[in-house]
């Protein structure tokens, strides 16, 4: 039996995936704590963990995703997000984790990548800290000559020019806001731990003892080498327990187009849900939207009137029923949503250029499993064209998606993470951490 601390940023999209691991660890008898925001206390306790409140939770509300007005520069999106949401809490997160460790004595710290305080913990000597396991719920962000810098949204080039292109993009990134952010992170973490992280900005995640990537290699760009501590475990299954609405049992035989903006950065339905409903109002399909939490009435308000006859909107729906019945998913490119679709071999239409979605959607384009609109606020005409394309050429997109589905079917993310947890907690704490 291990003593395990989970930590996460306070947005649903980061907390919900970890709760599946909490349930599994609590069910097998591990002692589990979860450091997070008060808004998640009930669901954390229902999952079987002891809730611990972040020290700044009352004073600093969970940040909303920054949105630039007018024309966006894609290279600014990821740095802006990190500056706005995460840099200010690194020191408080680190001290909170270490104070709890000194009081309780955890064997293992499990975090998602945006809880950067865990990155700092991983730089300490192993005998001073718990083992650190990061669950990779975003595209693999680590630098390599074979891939463009994370946040660029560029797929690999064919041929020998690819490493040169990537090196030039990295130089450009380090000369701009990303470089300043890397410097600030480095100085802060060195002050906290006495150790300066090496590599590029997103290589900070490699301070974890293991990075469990919640995906399959087939969804990632090829690299000549991947750090040993990165292990692919496959995507976590979709959360269960959501009821089916009455209309589900009375729907007709029309093809289903599912649209969602996920559980993070989903406050504005006019970015994707509303354009999709409007685009397909006259099509012979059933549009099934999920808000990921916000009131479904907000969609009607944003539409400025009643829903079209072929549209249904719910907060959540059980994906084990919805996705096998759907013909295409329209999504802003949330990492979890895309993998839920791919688990069922479901082709995609994606639209999103902020956060990690730029990288997720580039991989959708690269793997051939869908159409990438490369827009943040989707244009209805382009949505309609893309959905028609996927429906008309469904066999081609379905073949590509089915290859990913086969790879995912061979994984068991929860079991794999539990095995890694056992491995880390059985290692002697006095042994120096790998560097």
Protein backbone atom coordinates (compact mmCIF):
# COMPACT_ATOMS: atom_id res chain seq x y z
CA UNK A 1 0.00 0.00 0.00
CA UNK A 2 1.46 3.34 -1.08
CA UNK A 3 0.84 6.89 0.08
CA UNK A 4 0.08 8.90 -3.04
CA UNK A 5 -0.43 12.63 -3.61
CA UNK A 6 -2.19 13.79 -6.76
CA UNK A 7 -1.84 17.42 -7.88
CA UNK A 8 -3.50 19.32 -10.69
CA UNK A 9 -4.40 22.72 -12.04
CA UNK A 10 -8.01 23.50 -11.19
CA UNK A 11 -9.70 23.27 -14.59
CA UNK A 12 -11.94 20.26 -15.27
CA UNK A 13 -9.90 19.15 -18.24
CA UNK A 14 -6.89 18.51 -15.99
CA UNK A 15 -8.69 17.10 -12.95
CA UNK A 16 -11.08 14.62 -14.55
CA UNK A 17 -8.44 12.36 -16.18
CA UNK A 18 -6.58 12.01 -12.87
CA UNK A 19 -9.74 10.99 -11.02
CA UNK A 20 -9.82 7.72 -12.95
CA UNK A 21 -6.41 6.89 -11.49
CA UNK A 22 -7.52 8.04 -8.05
CA UNK A 23 -10.43 5.59 -8.11
CA UNK A 24 -8.21 2.71 -9.19
CA UNK A 25 -5.55 3.40 -6.56
CA UNK A 26 -8.05 3.92 -3.77
CA UNK A 27 -9.91 0.73 -4.76
CA UNK A 28 -6.78 -1.37 -4.38
CA UNK A 29 -6.03 0.07 -0.95
CA UNK A 30 -3.54 2.87 -1.56
CA UNK A 31 -3.82 5.94 0.66
CA UNK A 32 -4.60 8.80 -1.70
CA UNK A 33 -4.65 12.58 -1.26
CA UNK A 34 -5.49 15.17 -3.94
CA UNK A 35 -4.24 18.77 -3.79
CA UNK A 36 -6.57 20.91 -5.87
CA UNK A 37 -9.27 23.62 -5.77
CA UNK A 38 -12.36 23.61 -3.54
CA UNK A 39 -14.65 23.32 -6.57
CA UNK A 40 -13.47 19.73 -7.02
CA UNK A 41 -13.72 18.61 -3.37
CA UNK A 42 -16.90 16.55 -3.80
CA UNK A 43 -15.80 14.61 -6.86
CA UNK A 44 -12.33 14.03 -5.36
CA UNK A 45 -13.80 12.63 -2.16
CA UNK A 46 -16.28 10.51 -4.13
CA UNK A 47 -13.32 9.03 -6.00
CA UNK A 48 -11.80 7.90 -2.71
CA UNK A 49 -9.12 10.51 -2.01
CA UNK A 50 -8.61 12.91 0.87
CA UNK A 51 -9.07 16.44 -0.44
CA UNK A 52 -6.35 19.02 0.21
CA UNK A 53 -6.94 22.63 -0.77
CA UNK A 54 -4.39 24.67 -2.67
CA UNK A 55 -3.18 27.51 -0.42
CA UNK A 56 -4.11 30.26 -2.90
CA UNK A 57 -7.45 28.78 -3.97
CA UNK A 58 -9.58 31.37 -2.19
CA UNK A 59 -7.57 34.37 -3.36
CA UNK A 60 -6.65 33.38 -6.93
CA UNK A 61 -9.54 32.05 -9.02
CA UNK A 62 -8.71 29.48 -11.70
CA UNK A 63 -7.47 31.46 -14.67
CA UNK A 64 -9.45 31.53 -17.86
CA UNK A 65 -7.71 30.98 -21.11
CA UNK A 66 -6.30 34.26 -22.47
CA UNK A 67 -7.79 35.25 -25.80
CA UNK A 68 -6.15 37.76 -28.09
CA UNK A 69 -8.37 40.19 -29.96
CA UNK A 70 -8.11 40.54 -33.71
CA UNK A 71 -5.48 38.71 -35.69
CA UNK A 72 -3.62 36.11 -33.63
CA UNK A 73 0.00 35.12 -33.88
CA UNK A 74 0.02 31.39 -33.25
CA UNK A 75 3.53 31.51 -31.79
CA UNK A 76 2.17 33.56 -28.87
CA UNK A 77 -0.64 31.24 -27.81
CA UNK A 78 1.19 28.66 -25.68
CA UNK A 79 3.59 31.14 -24.00
CA UNK A 80 0.69 33.47 -23.19
CA UNK A 81 -1.21 30.60 -21.59
CA UNK A 82 1.74 29.56 -19.43
CA UNK A 83 2.54 33.12 -18.35
CA UNK A 84 -1.09 33.75 -17.46
CA UNK A 85 -2.06 30.51 -15.74
CA UNK A 86 0.98 28.74 -14.39
CA UNK A 87 4.13 30.76 -13.77
CA UNK A 88 2.62 32.71 -10.90
CA UNK A 89 1.78 29.55 -8.92
CA UNK A 90 5.00 27.55 -9.35
CA UNK A 91 6.53 28.66 -6.05
CA UNK A 92 3.31 28.22 -4.05
CA UNK A 93 2.69 24.80 -5.60
CA UNK A 94 6.22 23.62 -4.86
CA UNK A 95 6.10 24.74 -1.23
CA UNK A 96 2.64 23.25 -0.75
CA UNK A 97 3.73 19.86 -2.07
CA UNK A 98 6.93 19.76 -0.06
CA UNK A 99 5.22 20.90 3.16
CA UNK A 100 2.66 18.12 2.75
CA UNK A 101 5.41 15.61 1.99
CA UNK A 102 7.31 16.55 5.14
CA UNK A 103 4.11 16.21 7.18
CA UNK A 104 2.64 13.06 5.63
CA UNK A 105 5.53 11.33 3.87
CA UNK A 106 4.27 10.45 0.41
CA UNK A 107 5.77 7.64 -1.62
CA UNK A 108 4.58 9.03 -4.92
CA UNK A 109 3.52 12.34 -6.46
CA UNK A 110 1.29 12.08 -9.56
CA UNK A 111 0.70 15.27 -11.53
CA UNK A 112 -0.49 16.48 -14.89
CA UNK A 113 1.97 18.57 -16.92
CA UNK A 114 0.59 22.03 -16.17
CA UNK A 115 1.16 21.66 -12.41
CA UNK A 116 4.69 22.95 -12.79
CA UNK A 117 5.40 22.75 -9.06
CA UNK A 118 5.82 19.00 -9.60
CA UNK A 119 8.51 19.77 -12.15
CA UNK A 120 10.46 21.59 -9.45
CA UNK A 121 9.98 18.72 -6.98
CA UNK A 122 11.51 16.32 -9.50
CA UNK A 123 14.80 18.26 -9.48
CA UNK A 124 15.42 17.59 -5.79
CA UNK A 125 17.59 14.63 -4.73
CA UNK A 126 15.47 11.49 -4.59
CA UNK A 127 15.93 11.02 -0.84
CA UNK A 128 14.38 14.47 -0.21
CA UNK A 129 11.17 13.92 -2.16
CA UNK A 130 8.58 11.38 -3.28
CA UNK A 131 8.90 9.67 -6.63
CA UNK A 132 7.34 11.82 -9.36
CA UNK A 133 5.07 10.48 -12.09
CA UNK A 134 3.63 12.85 -14.71
CA UNK A 135 0.60 11.81 -16.73
CA UNK A 136 1.11 13.21 -20.23
CA UNK A 137 -2.33 14.45 -21.25
CA UNK A 138 -1.04 16.68 -24.05
CA UNK A 139 1.04 15.94 -27.16
CA UNK A 140 4.60 14.96 -26.40
CA UNK A 141 6.26 18.37 -25.81
CA UNK A 142 9.96 17.53 -25.54
CA UNK A 143 12.52 19.00 -27.89
CA UNK A 144 14.09 16.93 -30.64
CA UNK A 145 15.85 17.68 -33.93
CA UNK A 146 13.06 15.69 -35.57
CA UNK A 147 10.14 17.87 -34.43
CA UNK A 148 9.33 21.56 -34.45
CA UNK A 149 9.24 23.37 -31.07
CA UNK A 150 6.08 22.64 -29.12
CA UNK A 151 3.50 25.32 -29.85
CA UNK A 152 4.57 25.88 -33.44
CA UNK A 153 1.93 23.49 -34.79
CA UNK A 154 4.20 22.36 -37.64
CA UNK A 155 4.17 18.79 -38.92
CA UNK A 156 7.51 17.19 -39.87
CA UNK A 157 8.92 17.83 -43.31
CA UNK A 158 9.90 14.96 -45.56
CA UNK A 159 13.61 14.75 -46.20
CA UNK A 160 16.85 16.22 -44.84
CA UNK A 161 15.55 19.79 -44.47
CA UNK A 162 13.39 18.82 -41.50
CA UNK A 163 16.11 19.11 -38.77
CA UNK A 164 17.29 22.44 -40.20
CA UNK A 165 13.77 23.85 -40.28
CA UNK A 166 13.20 22.71 -36.68
CA UNK A 167 16.49 24.20 -35.46
CA UNK A 168 15.64 27.57 -37.04
CA UNK A 169 12.18 27.52 -35.45
CA UNK A 170 13.76 26.78 -32.06
CA UNK A 171 16.18 29.69 -32.40
CA UNK A 172 13.28 31.96 -33.30
CA UNK A 173 11.23 30.71 -30.33
CA UNK A 174 14.09 31.29 -27.88
CA UNK A 175 14.51 34.83 -29.20
CA UNK A 176 10.91 35.72 -28.41
CA UNK A 177 8.45 35.38 -25.56
CA UNK A 178 9.06 31.64 -25.25
CA UNK A 179 12.72 32.31 -24.50
CA UNK A 180 11.83 34.85 -21.80
CA UNK A 181 9.41 32.35 -20.29
CA UNK A 182 12.09 29.65 -20.28
CA UNK A 183 14.47 32.03 -18.51
CA UNK A 184 11.86 32.92 -15.88
CA UNK A 185 11.01 29.27 -15.23
CA UNK A 186 14.67 28.38 -14.95
CA UNK A 187 15.47 31.14 -12.49
CA UNK A 188 12.44 30.39 -10.34
CA UNK A 189 13.05 26.65 -10.19
CA UNK A 190 16.77 27.10 -9.49
CA UNK A 191 15.89 29.39 -6.61
CA UNK A 192 13.48 26.78 -5.22
CA UNK A 193 15.64 23.69 -5.64
CA UNK A 194 19.22 24.79 -6.14
CA UNK A 195 19.21 23.01 -9.52
CA UNK A 196 18.93 24.63 -12.92
CA UNK A 197 16.81 22.72 -15.43
CA UNK A 198 18.46 22.01 -18.76
CA UNK A 199 17.20 21.85 -22.31
CA UNK A 200 14.37 23.77 -23.91
CA UNK A 201 11.30 25.16 -22.16
CA UNK A 202 9.13 22.05 -22.37
CA UNK A 203 11.98 19.71 -21.45
CA UNK A 204 11.24 20.72 -17.85
CA UNK A 205 8.76 17.85 -17.75
CA UNK A 206 11.65 15.39 -17.96
CA UNK A 207 12.49 16.05 -14.33
CA UNK A 208 9.76 13.51 -13.48
CA UNK A 209 11.00 9.99 -12.79
CA UNK A 210 8.50 8.73 -15.39
CA UNK A 211 6.40 10.60 -17.94
CA UNK A 212 3.42 8.32 -18.74
CA UNK A 213 2.21 9.49 -22.14
CA UNK A 214 -1.55 8.96 -22.42
CA UNK A 215 -1.43 8.18 -26.12
CA UNK A 216 0.08 5.72 -28.58
CA UNK A 217 3.27 6.15 -30.64
CA UNK A 218 1.24 6.12 -33.86
CA UNK A 219 -0.26 9.51 -32.94
CA UNK A 220 3.16 11.07 -32.40
CA UNK A 221 5.73 12.33 -34.85
CA UNK A 222 8.66 9.95 -35.39
CA UNK A 223 11.81 10.70 -33.41
CA UNK A 224 15.18 9.07 -33.69
CA UNK A 225 15.22 8.81 -29.92
CA UNK A 226 12.74 9.37 -27.11
CA UNK A 227 13.90 9.87 -23.50
CA UNK A 228 13.89 6.60 -21.57
CA UNK A 229 11.59 7.93 -18.91
CA UNK A 230 8.81 8.54 -21.48
CA UNK A 231 6.48 5.55 -21.62
CA UNK A 232 3.37 5.27 -23.77
CA UNK A 233 0.46 3.92 -21.72
CA UNK A 234 -2.43 4.66 -24.08
CA UNK A 235 -5.32 7.08 -23.54
CA UNK A 236 -7.50 6.87 -20.49
CA UNK A 237 -11.06 5.68 -21.13
CA UNK A 238 -13.84 8.24 -21.29
CA UNK A 239 -15.50 9.03 -17.94
CA UNK A 240 -18.55 6.86 -17.32
CA UNK A 241 -21.78 7.37 -15.43
CA UNK A 242 -23.57 9.97 -17.55
CA UNK A 243 -27.22 9.12 -18.31
CA UNK A 244 -28.75 8.93 -21.77
CA UNK A 245 -31.50 11.50 -22.38
CA UNK A 246 -34.98 10.37 -23.43
CA UNK A 247 -34.56 11.67 -26.97
CA UNK A 248 -31.72 9.20 -27.56
CA UNK A 249 -34.20 6.32 -27.64
CA UNK A 250 -36.45 8.09 -30.16
CA UNK A 251 -33.87 9.43 -32.61
CA UNK A 252 -34.29 8.58 -36.27
CA UNK A 253 -31.74 6.97 -38.55
CA UNK A 254 -29.90 10.12 -39.60
CA UNK A 255 -26.14 10.16 -39.44
CA UNK A 256 -24.85 11.67 -36.20
CA UNK A 257 -22.37 14.53 -36.10
CA UNK A 258 -21.05 15.04 -32.59
CA UNK A 259 -19.63 18.46 -31.66
CA UNK A 260 -17.85 19.35 -28.45
CA UNK A 261 -15.53 22.00 -27.03
CA UNK A 262 -14.37 19.62 -24.31
CA UNK A 263 -14.03 20.36 -20.60
CA UNK A 264 -11.46 23.17 -20.78
CA UNK A 265 -11.73 26.59 -22.42
CA UNK A 266 -15.34 25.79 -23.22
CA UNK A 267 -17.06 28.92 -21.90
CA UNK A 268 -17.73 30.45 -25.32
CA UNK A 269 -19.92 28.16 -27.49
CA UNK A 270 -19.65 30.57 -30.42
CA UNK A 271 -16.12 29.30 -31.11
CA UNK A 272 -17.26 25.89 -32.39
CA UNK A 273 -20.59 24.54 -31.09
CA UNK A 274 -22.74 27.37 -32.44
CA UNK A 275 -21.00 27.52 -35.86
CA UNK A 276 -21.41 23.76 -36.25
CA UNK A 277 -25.09 23.76 -35.33
CA UNK A 278 -25.71 26.69 -37.69
CA UNK A 279 -23.64 25.13 -40.48
CA UNK A 280 -25.53 21.83 -40.41
CA UNK A 281 -29.06 23.10 -39.70
CA UNK A 282 -30.24 22.19 -43.20
CA UNK A 283 -28.19 19.01 -43.59
CA UNK A 284 -29.64 15.51 -43.31
CA UNK A 285 -27.76 14.77 -40.08
CA UNK A 286 -28.46 14.81 -36.35
CA UNK A 287 -26.12 17.26 -34.60
CA UNK A 288 -25.43 16.16 -31.04
CA UNK A 289 -23.52 18.72 -28.97
CA UNK A 290 -22.06 18.43 -25.49
CA UNK A 291 -21.01 21.55 -23.61
CA UNK A 292 -18.60 19.78 -21.23
CA UNK A 293 -20.20 21.47 -18.22
CA UNK A 294 -21.77 24.84 -19.14
CA UNK A 295 -25.56 25.14 -19.20
CA UNK A 296 -26.97 23.89 -22.54
CA UNK A 297 -29.24 26.94 -22.53
CA UNK A 298 -26.13 29.04 -23.17
CA UNK A 299 -25.98 27.53 -26.66
CA UNK A 300 -29.51 28.67 -27.49
CA UNK A 301 -28.73 32.13 -26.14
CA UNK A 302 -25.63 32.29 -28.30
CA UNK A 303 -27.64 31.16 -31.32
CA UNK A 304 -30.14 33.91 -30.66
CA UNK A 305 -33.12 31.58 -30.86
CA UNK A 306 -34.33 28.01 -30.62
CA UNK A 307 -32.16 25.11 -31.69
CA UNK A 308 -32.69 23.79 -35.22
CA UNK A 309 -34.89 20.70 -35.39
CA UNK A 310 -31.87 18.48 -36.09
CA UNK A 311 -29.81 19.61 -33.06
CA UNK A 312 -29.59 18.30 -29.49
CA UNK A 313 -27.47 19.80 -26.70
CA UNK A 314 -26.49 18.20 -23.37
CA UNK A 315 -23.85 18.89 -20.75
CA UNK A 316 -22.39 15.38 -21.06
CA UNK A 317 -23.32 12.12 -22.78
CA UNK A 318 -21.92 8.62 -22.28
CA UNK A 319 -19.30 8.22 -24.97
CA UNK A 320 -19.58 4.43 -24.94
CA UNK A 321 -23.03 4.95 -26.50
CA UNK A 322 -22.54 8.14 -28.49
CA UNK A 323 -19.24 7.59 -30.27
CA UNK A 324 -19.95 4.13 -31.73
CA UNK A 325 -23.16 5.59 -33.20
CA UNK A 326 -21.55 8.78 -34.57
CA UNK A 327 -20.17 9.27 -38.09
CA UNK A 328 -17.88 12.25 -37.39
CA UNK A 329 -16.76 14.27 -34.37
CA UNK A 330 -16.28 18.03 -34.62
CA UNK A 331 -14.00 19.20 -31.80
CA UNK A 332 -11.67 22.04 -30.90
CA UNK A 333 -8.89 19.51 -30.50
CA UNK A 334 -8.85 18.64 -26.82
CA UNK A 335 -6.33 15.85 -26.28
CA UNK A 336 -8.82 13.66 -24.45
CA UNK A 337 -11.70 14.20 -26.87
CA UNK A 338 -9.57 13.39 -29.91
CA UNK A 339 -8.37 10.16 -28.31
CA UNK A 340 -11.91 9.18 -27.30
CA UNK A 341 -12.90 9.52 -30.96
CA UNK A 342 -9.87 7.58 -32.17
CA UNK A 343 -10.56 4.76 -29.71
CA UNK A 344 -13.74 4.18 -31.74
CA UNK A 345 -12.13 4.79 -35.14
CA UNK A 346 -14.23 7.94 -35.51
CA UNK A 347 -13.04 10.51 -38.11
CA UNK A 348 -12.63 14.11 -37.01
CA UNK A 349 -13.10 17.71 -38.00
CA UNK A 350 -10.95 19.87 -35.73
CA UNK A 351 -10.72 23.61 -35.15
CA UNK A 352 -8.52 25.20 -32.50
CA UNK A 353 -5.28 27.18 -32.36
CA UNK A 354 -4.84 27.84 -28.64
CA UNK A 355 -3.28 25.91 -25.74
CA UNK A 356 -2.08 22.47 -26.86
CA UNK A 357 -4.84 22.22 -29.47
CA UNK A 358 -2.60 23.62 -32.17
CA UNK A 359 -0.35 20.59 -31.65
CA UNK A 360 -3.18 18.06 -31.29
CA UNK A 361 -4.84 19.27 -34.48
CA UNK A 362 -1.59 19.21 -36.42
CA UNK A 363 -1.30 15.53 -35.50
CA UNK A 364 -4.87 14.95 -36.67
CA UNK A 365 -3.85 16.44 -40.00
CA UNK A 366 -0.58 14.48 -40.12
CA UNK A 367 -2.15 11.09 -39.34
CA UNK A 368 -4.93 11.62 -41.88
CA UNK A 369 -7.72 10.91 -39.39
CA UNK A 370 -9.59 14.14 -40.07
CA UNK A 371 -9.75 17.66 -41.46
CA UNK A 372 -8.09 20.55 -39.61
CA UNK A 373 -9.81 23.91 -40.19
CA UNK A 374 -6.85 25.73 -38.58
CA UNK A 375 -9.22 28.28 -37.06
CA UNK A 376 -9.99 29.19 -33.47
CA UNK A 377 -13.45 30.61 -34.19
CA UNK A 378 -14.81 28.27 -36.82
CA UNK A 379 -16.46 29.61 -39.95
CA UNK A 380 -19.80 27.82 -40.53
CA UNK A 381 -19.22 27.47 -44.27
CA UNK A 382 -15.86 25.79 -43.66
CA UNK A 383 -17.38 23.51 -41.02
CA UNK A 384 -20.10 22.45 -43.47
CA UNK A 385 -17.56 21.77 -46.22
CA UNK A 386 -15.30 19.77 -43.91
CA UNK A 387 -18.13 17.66 -42.47
CA UNK A 388 -19.40 16.92 -45.97
CA UNK A 389 -15.88 15.93 -47.02
CA UNK A 390 -15.46 13.53 -44.10
CA UNK A 391 -18.91 12.01 -44.67
CA UNK A 392 -18.37 11.70 -48.44
CA UNK A 393 -14.87 10.24 -48.03
CA UNK A 394 -15.59 8.41 -44.82
CA UNK A 395 -13.96 5.16 -45.94
CA UNK A 396 -10.59 6.90 -46.34
CA UNK A 397 -10.75 8.77 -43.05
CA UNK A 398 -12.15 5.72 -41.29
CA UNK A 399 -9.22 3.57 -42.45
CA UNK A 400 -6.75 6.05 -40.97
CA UNK A 401 -8.71 6.35 -37.73
CA UNK A 402 -9.07 2.57 -37.47
CA UNK A 403 -5.29 2.18 -37.47
CA UNK A 404 -5.15 4.38 -34.38
CA UNK A 405 -8.11 2.51 -32.87
CA UNK A 406 -6.24 -0.79 -33.21
CA UNK A 407 -3.20 0.64 -31.48
CA UNK A 408 -5.33 2.07 -28.66
CA UNK A 409 -7.19 -1.22 -28.21
CA UNK A 410 -3.89 -2.89 -27.32
CA UNK A 411 -3.36 -0.53 -24.35
CA UNK A 412 -4.72 -0.31 -20.81
CA UNK A 413 -3.76 3.10 -19.46
CA UNK A 414 -5.00 2.62 -15.91
CA UNK A 415 -3.27 -0.75 -15.47
CA UNK A 416 -0.06 0.57 -17.00
CA UNK A 417 0.04 3.60 -14.71
CA UNK A 418 -0.59 1.41 -11.68
CA UNK A 419 2.33 -0.81 -12.73
CA UNK A 420 4.58 2.25 -13.07
CA UNK A 421 3.42 3.50 -9.67
CA UNK A 422 4.35 0.15 -8.11
CA UNK A 423 7.73 0.25 -9.78
CA UNK A 424 8.47 3.76 -8.53
CA UNK A 425 7.29 3.16 -4.97
CA UNK A 426 9.30 -0.05 -4.68
CA UNK A 427 12.57 1.68 -5.63
CA UNK A 428 14.79 2.68 -2.67
CA UNK A 429 14.32 6.35 -1.84
CA UNK A 430 18.02 6.76 -1.19
CA UNK A 431 18.95 5.97 -4.77
CA UNK A 432 19.74 9.16 -6.74
CA UNK A 433 17.08 10.09 -9.27
CA UNK A 434 18.00 9.65 -12.93
CA UNK A 435 19.14 12.83 -14.62
